[in-house]
Amino acid sequence: MNPSFSLCVYCGSRPGAEPRFIEVARQVGRWIGEHGGQLVYGGGNNGTMGALADAALAAGARVVGVIPQSMVQREWAKRDCTELHVVDNMHQRKSMMAERADAFLALPGGIGTFEEFFEVWTWRVLDFHRKPVGLLDLDGYYQGLLQFLQHSVRRGFMNDWQIDMLTVGSDPDALLAKLAQAADPRPADVSRI
């Protein structure tokens, strides 16, 4: 694994209904720190986002938060990030996160997680970057989505090769290792995004 591996993680600003969501966010943060990596995330201090960042920092990782100005008060931006970038809008946020990452991972989350995950996967399909995109299907959280994606393939709106661009797993450590191994350390060509 590249010792400067930088992972962009999308996850919730809420804790979710089960303690396991917070536990796994912490596990992912610890893994990043224990492997000498860097976390890039949305800069929030609440929910699984806050748990992820706290665990990464405690494990020695660099933590890069990127948050729009309008969300600083609402999400109570995590001020103790190694770097906290306050940007003007969501487009700048997502572009900066993509630029700073070697791979992407979506943990269980809500509408914001879904939107960021689908956008970075779309960029991969369009060859705007060649970085791995992972989906952590924790306790079957994304099974309905994965079934729907196969439905879309059957109905002719997607192809299997698009699905194959995703790295899906239910074991956080195994999935993180796959993403780190597949990571392309070259920066995203954000001029094409």
C-alpha atoms as a PDB file:
ATOM      1  CA  MET A   1       0.000   0.000   0.000  1.00  0.00           C
ATOM      2  CA  ASN A   2       1.104   3.504  -0.792  1.00  0.00           C
ATOM      3  CA  PRO A   3       2.075   5.037   2.591  1.00  0.00           C
ATOM      4  CA  SER A   4       0.446   8.309   1.612  1.00  0.00           C
ATOM      5  CA  PHE A   5      -2.849   6.610   0.695  1.00  0.00           C
ATOM      6  CA  SER A   6      -5.674   9.133   0.887  1.00  0.00           C
ATOM      7  CA  LEU A   7      -9.220   7.831   1.259  1.00  0.00           C
ATOM      8  CA  CYS A   8     -12.315   9.958   0.763  1.00  0.00           C
ATOM      9  CA  VAL A   9     -15.133   8.605   2.936  1.00  0.00           C
ATOM     10  CA  TYR A  10     -18.785   9.545   2.525  1.00  0.00           C
ATOM     11  CA  CYS A  11     -21.006   8.898   5.542  1.00  0.00           C
ATOM     12  CA  GLY A  12     -23.794  10.357   7.643  1.00  0.00           C
ATOM     13  CA  SER A  13     -24.024  13.466   9.767  1.00  0.00           C
ATOM     14  CA  ARG A  14     -26.449  11.394  11.854  1.00  0.00           C
ATOM     15  CA  PRO A  15     -25.459   8.387  13.983  1.00  0.00           C
ATOM     16  CA  GLY A  16     -28.051   6.013  12.520  1.00  0.00           C
ATOM     17  CA  ALA A  17     -30.437   3.882  14.542  1.00  0.00           C
ATOM     18  CA  GLU A  18     -27.951   1.167  15.516  1.00  0.00           C
ATOM     19  CA  PRO A  19     -24.695   1.494  17.517  1.00  0.00           C
ATOM     20  CA  ARG A  20     -22.934  -0.613  14.871  1.00  0.00           C
ATOM     21  CA  PHE A  21     -22.936   2.316  12.426  1.00  0.00           C
ATOM     22  CA  ILE A  22     -20.832   4.442  14.786  1.00  0.00           C
ATOM     23  CA  GLU A  23     -18.631   1.446  15.702  1.00  0.00           C
ATOM     24  CA  VAL A  24     -17.799   0.741  12.061  1.00  0.00           C
ATOM     25  CA  ALA A  25     -17.154   4.418  11.297  1.00  0.00           C
ATOM     26  CA  ARG A  26     -14.610   4.358  14.134  1.00  0.00           C
ATOM     27  CA  GLN A  27     -13.147   1.108  12.800  1.00  0.00           C
ATOM     28  CA  VAL A  28     -12.636   2.701   9.369  1.00  0.00           C
ATOM     29  CA  GLY A  29     -10.998   5.773  10.924  1.00  0.00           C
ATOM     30  CA  ARG A  30      -8.656   3.606  13.011  1.00  0.00           C
ATOM     31  CA  TRP A  31      -7.735   1.511   9.964  1.00  0.00           C
ATOM     32  CA  ILE A  32      -6.760   4.632   8.020  1.00  0.00           C
ATOM     33  CA  GLY A  33      -4.541   5.855  10.869  1.00  0.00           C
ATOM     34  CA  GLU A  34      -2.989   2.466  11.587  1.00  0.00           C
ATOM     35  CA  HIS A  35      -2.034   2.129   7.912  1.00  0.00           C
ATOM     36  CA  GLY A  36      -0.438   5.576   7.666  1.00  0.00           C
ATOM     37  CA  GLY A  37      -3.211   6.957   5.514  1.00  0.00           C
ATOM     38  CA  GLN A  38      -5.105  10.201   5.214  1.00  0.00           C
ATOM     39  CA  LEU A  39      -8.856  10.687   5.623  1.00  0.00           C
ATOM     40  CA  VAL A  40     -10.653  13.140   3.369  1.00  0.00           C
ATOM     41  CA  TYR A  41     -14.272  13.726   4.360  1.00  0.00           C
ATOM     42  CA  GLY A  42     -17.042  16.311   4.605  1.00  0.00           C
ATOM     43  CA  GLY A  43     -15.673  18.143   7.645  1.00  0.00           C
ATOM     44  CA  GLY A  44     -18.608  17.537   9.997  1.00  0.00           C
ATOM     45  CA  ASN A  45     -18.369  16.852  13.719  1.00  0.00           C
ATOM     46  CA  ASN A  46     -21.656  14.953  14.152  1.00  0.00           C
ATOM     47  CA  GLY A  47     -22.915  11.437  13.500  1.00  0.00           C
ATOM     48  CA  THR A  48     -20.778   8.858  11.783  1.00  0.00           C
ATOM     49  CA  MET A  49     -18.732  11.663  10.220  1.00  0.00           C
ATOM     50  CA  GLY A  50     -17.558  12.879  13.612  1.00  0.00           C
ATOM     51  CA  ALA A  51     -16.893   9.346  14.897  1.00  0.00           C
ATOM     52  CA  LEU A  52     -14.873   8.535  11.761  1.00  0.00           C
ATOM     53  CA  ALA A  53     -12.737  11.673  12.039  1.00  0.00           C
ATOM     54  CA  ASP A  54     -12.179  11.322  15.802  1.00  0.00           C
ATOM     55  CA  ALA A  55     -10.984   7.733  15.403  1.00  0.00           C
ATOM     56  CA  ALA A  56      -8.726   8.609  12.457  1.00  0.00           C
ATOM     57  CA  LEU A  57      -7.100  11.451  14.399  1.00  0.00           C
ATOM     58  CA  ALA A  58      -6.656   9.272  17.499  1.00  0.00           C
ATOM     59  CA  ALA A  59      -4.933   6.637  15.341  1.00  0.00           C
ATOM     60  CA  GLY A  60      -2.490   9.181  13.897  1.00  0.00           C
ATOM     61  CA  ALA A  61      -4.075   9.858  10.501  1.00  0.00           C
ATOM     62  CA  ARG A  62      -4.068  13.194   8.760  1.00  0.00           C
ATOM     63  CA  VAL A  63      -7.696  14.320   8.520  1.00  0.00           C
ATOM     64  CA  VAL A  64      -8.757  16.724   5.792  1.00  0.00           C
ATOM     65  CA  GLY A  65     -12.261  18.145   6.191  1.00  0.00           C
ATOM     66  CA  VAL A  66     -14.012  20.087   3.454  1.00  0.00           C
ATOM     67  CA  ILE A  67     -17.254  21.849   4.320  1.00  0.00           C
ATOM     68  CA  PRO A  68     -19.314  24.640   2.721  1.00  0.00           C
ATOM     69  CA  GLN A  69     -19.607  27.876   4.702  1.00  0.00           C
ATOM     70  CA  SER A  70     -23.403  27.540   4.861  1.00  0.00           C
ATOM     71  CA  MET A  71     -23.043  24.179   6.636  1.00  0.00           C
ATOM     72  CA  VAL A  72     -20.414  25.193   9.181  1.00  0.00           C
ATOM     73  CA  GLN A  73     -22.990  26.246  11.794  1.00  0.00           C
ATOM     74  CA  ARG A  74     -25.500  23.505  10.968  1.00  0.00           C
ATOM     75  CA  GLU A  75     -22.980  20.665  11.089  1.00  0.00           C
ATOM     76  CA  TRP A  76     -20.693  22.226  13.684  1.00  0.00           C
ATOM     77  CA  ALA A  77     -17.569  21.815  11.574  1.00  0.00           C
ATOM     78  CA  LYS A  78     -14.823  19.713  13.117  1.00  0.00           C
ATOM     79  CA  ARG A  79     -12.315  22.409  14.040  1.00  0.00           C
ATOM     80  CA  ASP A  80      -9.515  20.023  15.083  1.00  0.00           C
ATOM     81  CA  CYS A  81      -9.034  18.467  11.649  1.00  0.00           C
ATOM     82  CA  THR A  82      -5.443  18.449  10.444  1.00  0.00           C
ATOM     83  CA  GLU A  83      -6.763  20.671   7.647  1.00  0.00           C
ATOM     84  CA  LEU A  84     -10.249  22.188   7.544  1.00  0.00           C
ATOM     85  CA  HIS A  85     -11.225  23.824   4.276  1.00  0.00           C
ATOM     86  CA  VAL A  86     -14.321  26.035   4.334  1.00  0.00           C
ATOM     87  CA  VAL A  87     -15.536  26.473   0.753  1.00  0.00           C
ATOM     88  CA  ASP A  88     -18.314  28.457  -0.891  1.00  0.00           C
ATOM     89  CA  ASN A  89     -20.528  25.631  -2.140  1.00  0.00           C
ATOM     90  CA  MET A  90     -21.063  21.887  -2.557  1.00  0.00           C
ATOM     91  CA  HIS A  91     -19.455  21.818  -6.009  1.00  0.00           C
ATOM     92  CA  GLN A  92     -16.197  23.140  -4.585  1.00  0.00           C
ATOM     93  CA  ARG A  93     -16.468  20.712  -1.677  1.00  0.00           C
ATOM     94  CA  LYS A  94     -16.853  17.642  -3.882  1.00  0.00           C
ATOM     95  CA  SER A  95     -14.197  18.751  -6.347  1.00  0.00           C
ATOM     96  CA  MET A  96     -11.642  19.342  -3.575  1.00  0.00           C
ATOM     97  CA  MET A  97     -12.464  16.026  -1.918  1.00  0.00           C
ATOM     98  CA  ALA A  98     -12.011  14.177  -5.224  1.00  0.00           C
ATOM     99  CA  GLU A  99      -8.743  15.962  -5.921  1.00  0.00           C
ATOM    100  CA  ARG A 100      -7.312  15.044  -2.501  1.00  0.00           C
ATOM    101  CA  ALA A 101      -8.267  11.346  -2.631  1.00  0.00           C
ATOM    102  CA  ASP A 102      -6.765   8.171  -4.096  1.00  0.00           C
ATOM    103  CA  ALA A 103      -9.962   6.153  -3.541  1.00  0.00           C
ATOM    104  CA  PHE A 104     -13.555   6.632  -2.379  1.00  0.00           C
ATOM    105  CA  LEU A 105     -15.712   4.741   0.113  1.00  0.00           C
ATOM    106  CA  ALA A 106     -19.370   5.134   1.026  1.00  0.00           C
ATOM    107  CA  LEU A 107     -20.420   3.945   4.464  1.00  0.00           C
ATOM    108  CA  PRO A 108     -24.092   3.698   5.405  1.00  0.00           C
ATOM    109  CA  GLY A 109     -25.599   7.160   5.264  1.00  0.00           C
ATOM    110  CA  GLY A 110     -28.475   9.222   3.958  1.00  0.00           C
ATOM    111  CA  ILE A 111     -29.287  11.367   0.951  1.00  0.00           C
ATOM    112  CA  GLY A 112     -26.004  13.317   1.032  1.00  0.00           C
ATOM    113  CA  THR A 113     -23.976  10.099   1.144  1.00  0.00           C
ATOM    114  CA  PHE A 114     -25.997   8.672  -1.750  1.00  0.00           C
ATOM    115  CA  GLU A 115     -25.548  11.798  -3.847  1.00  0.00           C
ATOM    116  CA  GLU A 116     -21.786  11.997  -3.317  1.00  0.00           C
ATOM    117  CA  PHE A 117     -21.348   8.256  -3.924  1.00  0.00           C
ATOM    118  CA  PHE A 118     -23.336   8.305  -7.172  1.00  0.00           C
ATOM    119  CA  GLU A 119     -21.526  11.387  -8.438  1.00  0.00           C
ATOM    120  CA  VAL A 120     -18.024   9.999  -7.874  1.00  0.00           C
ATOM    121  CA  TRP A 121     -19.085   6.650  -9.388  1.00  0.00           C
ATOM    122  CA  THR A 122     -20.492   8.504 -12.419  1.00  0.00           C
ATOM    123  CA  TRP A 123     -17.177  10.358 -12.773  1.00  0.00           C
ATOM    124  CA  ARG A 124     -15.424   6.967 -12.739  1.00  0.00           C
ATOM    125  CA  VAL A 125     -17.745   5.565 -15.418  1.00  0.00           C
ATOM    126  CA  LEU A 126     -17.066   8.662 -17.559  1.00  0.00           C
ATOM    127  CA  ASP A 127     -13.296   8.193 -17.028  1.00  0.00           C
ATOM    128  CA  PHE A 128     -12.885  11.530 -15.257  1.00  0.00           C
ATOM    129  CA  HIS A 129     -10.782   9.576 -12.765  1.00  0.00           C
ATOM    130  CA  ARG A 130      -9.510   6.005 -12.439  1.00  0.00           C
ATOM    131  CA  LYS A 131      -9.738   5.684  -8.688  1.00  0.00           C
ATOM    132  CA  PRO A 132     -11.561   2.821  -6.992  1.00  0.00           C
ATOM    133  CA  VAL A 133     -15.033   3.445  -5.619  1.00  0.00           C
ATOM    134  CA  GLY A 134     -16.138   1.298  -2.690  1.00  0.00           C
ATOM    135  CA  LEU A 135     -19.473   0.624  -1.043  1.00  0.00           C
ATOM    136  CA  LEU A 136     -19.590  -0.838   2.463  1.00  0.00           C
ATOM    137  CA  ASP A 137     -22.707  -3.009   2.599  1.00  0.00           C
ATOM    138  CA  LEU A 138     -22.735  -3.189   6.392  1.00  0.00           C
ATOM    139  CA  ASP A 139     -25.285  -5.700   7.683  1.00  0.00           C
ATOM    140  CA  GLY A 140     -27.085  -5.581   4.327  1.00  0.00           C
ATOM    141  CA  TYR A 141     -27.628  -1.813   4.456  1.00  0.00           C
ATOM    142  CA  TYR A 142     -27.173  -1.428   0.686  1.00  0.00           C
ATOM    143  CA  GLN A 143     -28.818  -4.689  -0.446  1.00  0.00           C
ATOM    144  CA  GLY A 144     -31.929  -2.885  -1.689  1.00  0.00           C
ATOM    145  CA  LEU A 145     -29.787  -0.461  -3.679  1.00  0.00           C
ATOM    146  CA  LEU A 146     -27.658  -3.234  -5.168  1.00  0.00           C
ATOM    147  CA  GLN A 147     -30.807  -5.119  -6.206  1.00  0.00           C
ATOM    148  CA  PHE A 148     -32.201  -1.973  -7.789  1.00  0.00           C
ATOM    149  CA  LEU A 149     -28.961  -1.440  -9.741  1.00  0.00           C
ATOM    150  CA  GLN A 150     -29.257  -4.972 -11.144  1.00  0.00           C
ATOM    151  CA  HIS A 151     -32.879  -4.163 -12.023  1.00  0.00           C
ATOM    152  CA  SER A 152     -31.618  -1.140 -13.952  1.00  0.00           C
ATOM    153  CA  VAL A 153     -29.177  -3.387 -15.858  1.00  0.00           C
ATOM    154  CA  ARG A 154     -32.002  -5.801 -16.723  1.00  0.00           C
ATOM    155  CA  ARG A 155     -34.153  -2.901 -17.905  1.00  0.00           C
ATOM    156  CA  GLY A 156     -31.379  -1.649 -20.200  1.00  0.00           C
ATOM    157  CA  PHE A 157     -30.415   1.622 -18.503  1.00  0.00           C
ATOM    158  CA  MET A 158     -27.093   0.375 -17.157  1.00  0.00           C
ATOM    159  CA  ASN A 159     -24.491  -2.242 -18.072  1.00  0.00           C
ATOM    160  CA  ASP A 160     -22.774  -4.872 -15.958  1.00  0.00           C
ATOM    161  CA  TRP A 161     -19.388  -3.206 -16.577  1.00  0.00           C
ATOM    162  CA  GLN A 162     -20.634  -0.112 -14.752  1.00  0.00           C
ATOM    163  CA  ILE A 163     -21.590  -2.225 -11.730  1.00  0.00           C
ATOM    164  CA  ASP A 164     -18.223  -3.994 -11.974  1.00  0.00           C
ATOM    165  CA  MET A 165     -16.478  -0.654 -11.407  1.00  0.00           C
ATOM    166  CA  LEU A 166     -17.697  -0.756  -7.804  1.00  0.00           C
ATOM    167  CA  THR A 167     -15.824  -2.550  -5.051  1.00  0.00           C
ATOM    168  CA  VAL A 168     -18.544  -3.816  -2.722  1.00  0.00           C
ATOM    169  CA  GLY A 169     -17.918  -5.577   0.567  1.00  0.00           C
ATOM    170  CA  SER A 170     -19.413  -6.211   3.977  1.00  0.00           C
ATOM    171  CA  ASP A 171     -16.135  -6.582   5.910  1.00  0.00           C
ATOM    172  CA  PRO A 172     -14.644  -3.121   6.534  1.00  0.00           C
ATOM    173  CA  ASP A 173     -10.995  -4.201   6.883  1.00  0.00           C
ATOM    174  CA  ALA A 174     -11.066  -6.408   3.775  1.00  0.00           C
ATOM    175  CA  LEU A 175     -12.779  -3.702   1.724  1.00  0.00           C
ATOM    176  CA  LEU A 176     -10.321  -1.025   2.874  1.00  0.00           C
ATOM    177  CA  ALA A 177      -7.388  -3.260   1.956  1.00  0.00           C
ATOM    178  CA  LYS A 178      -8.833  -3.802  -1.552  1.00  0.00           C
ATOM    179  CA  LEU A 179      -9.336  -0.074  -2.084  1.00  0.00           C
ATOM    180  CA  ALA A 180      -5.823   0.739  -0.864  1.00  0.00           C
ATOM    181  CA  GLN A 181      -4.310  -1.890  -3.142  1.00  0.00           C
ATOM    182  CA  ALA A 182      -6.264  -0.665  -6.172  1.00  0.00           C
ATOM    183  CA  ALA A 183      -5.707   3.055  -5.514  1.00  0.00           C
ATOM    184  CA  ASP A 184      -4.202   5.169  -8.232  1.00  0.00           C
ATOM    185  CA  PRO A 185      -2.108   7.866  -6.516  1.00  0.00           C
ATOM    186  CA  ARG A 186      -2.440  10.228  -9.494  1.00  0.00           C
ATOM    187  CA  PRO A 187      -4.745  13.170  -8.727  1.00  0.00           C
ATOM    188  CA  ALA A 188      -8.184  13.380 -10.311  1.00  0.00           C
ATOM    189  CA  ASP A 189      -8.396  15.573 -13.400  1.00  0.00           C
ATOM    190  CA  VAL A 190     -10.848  17.982 -11.781  1.00  0.00           C
ATOM    191  CA  SER A 191     -10.795  20.178 -14.874  1.00  0.00           C
ATOM    192  CA  ARG A 192     -12.990  17.497 -16.492  1.00  0.00           C
ATOM    193  CA  ILE A 193     -15.465  17.315 -13.592  1.00  0.00           C
END
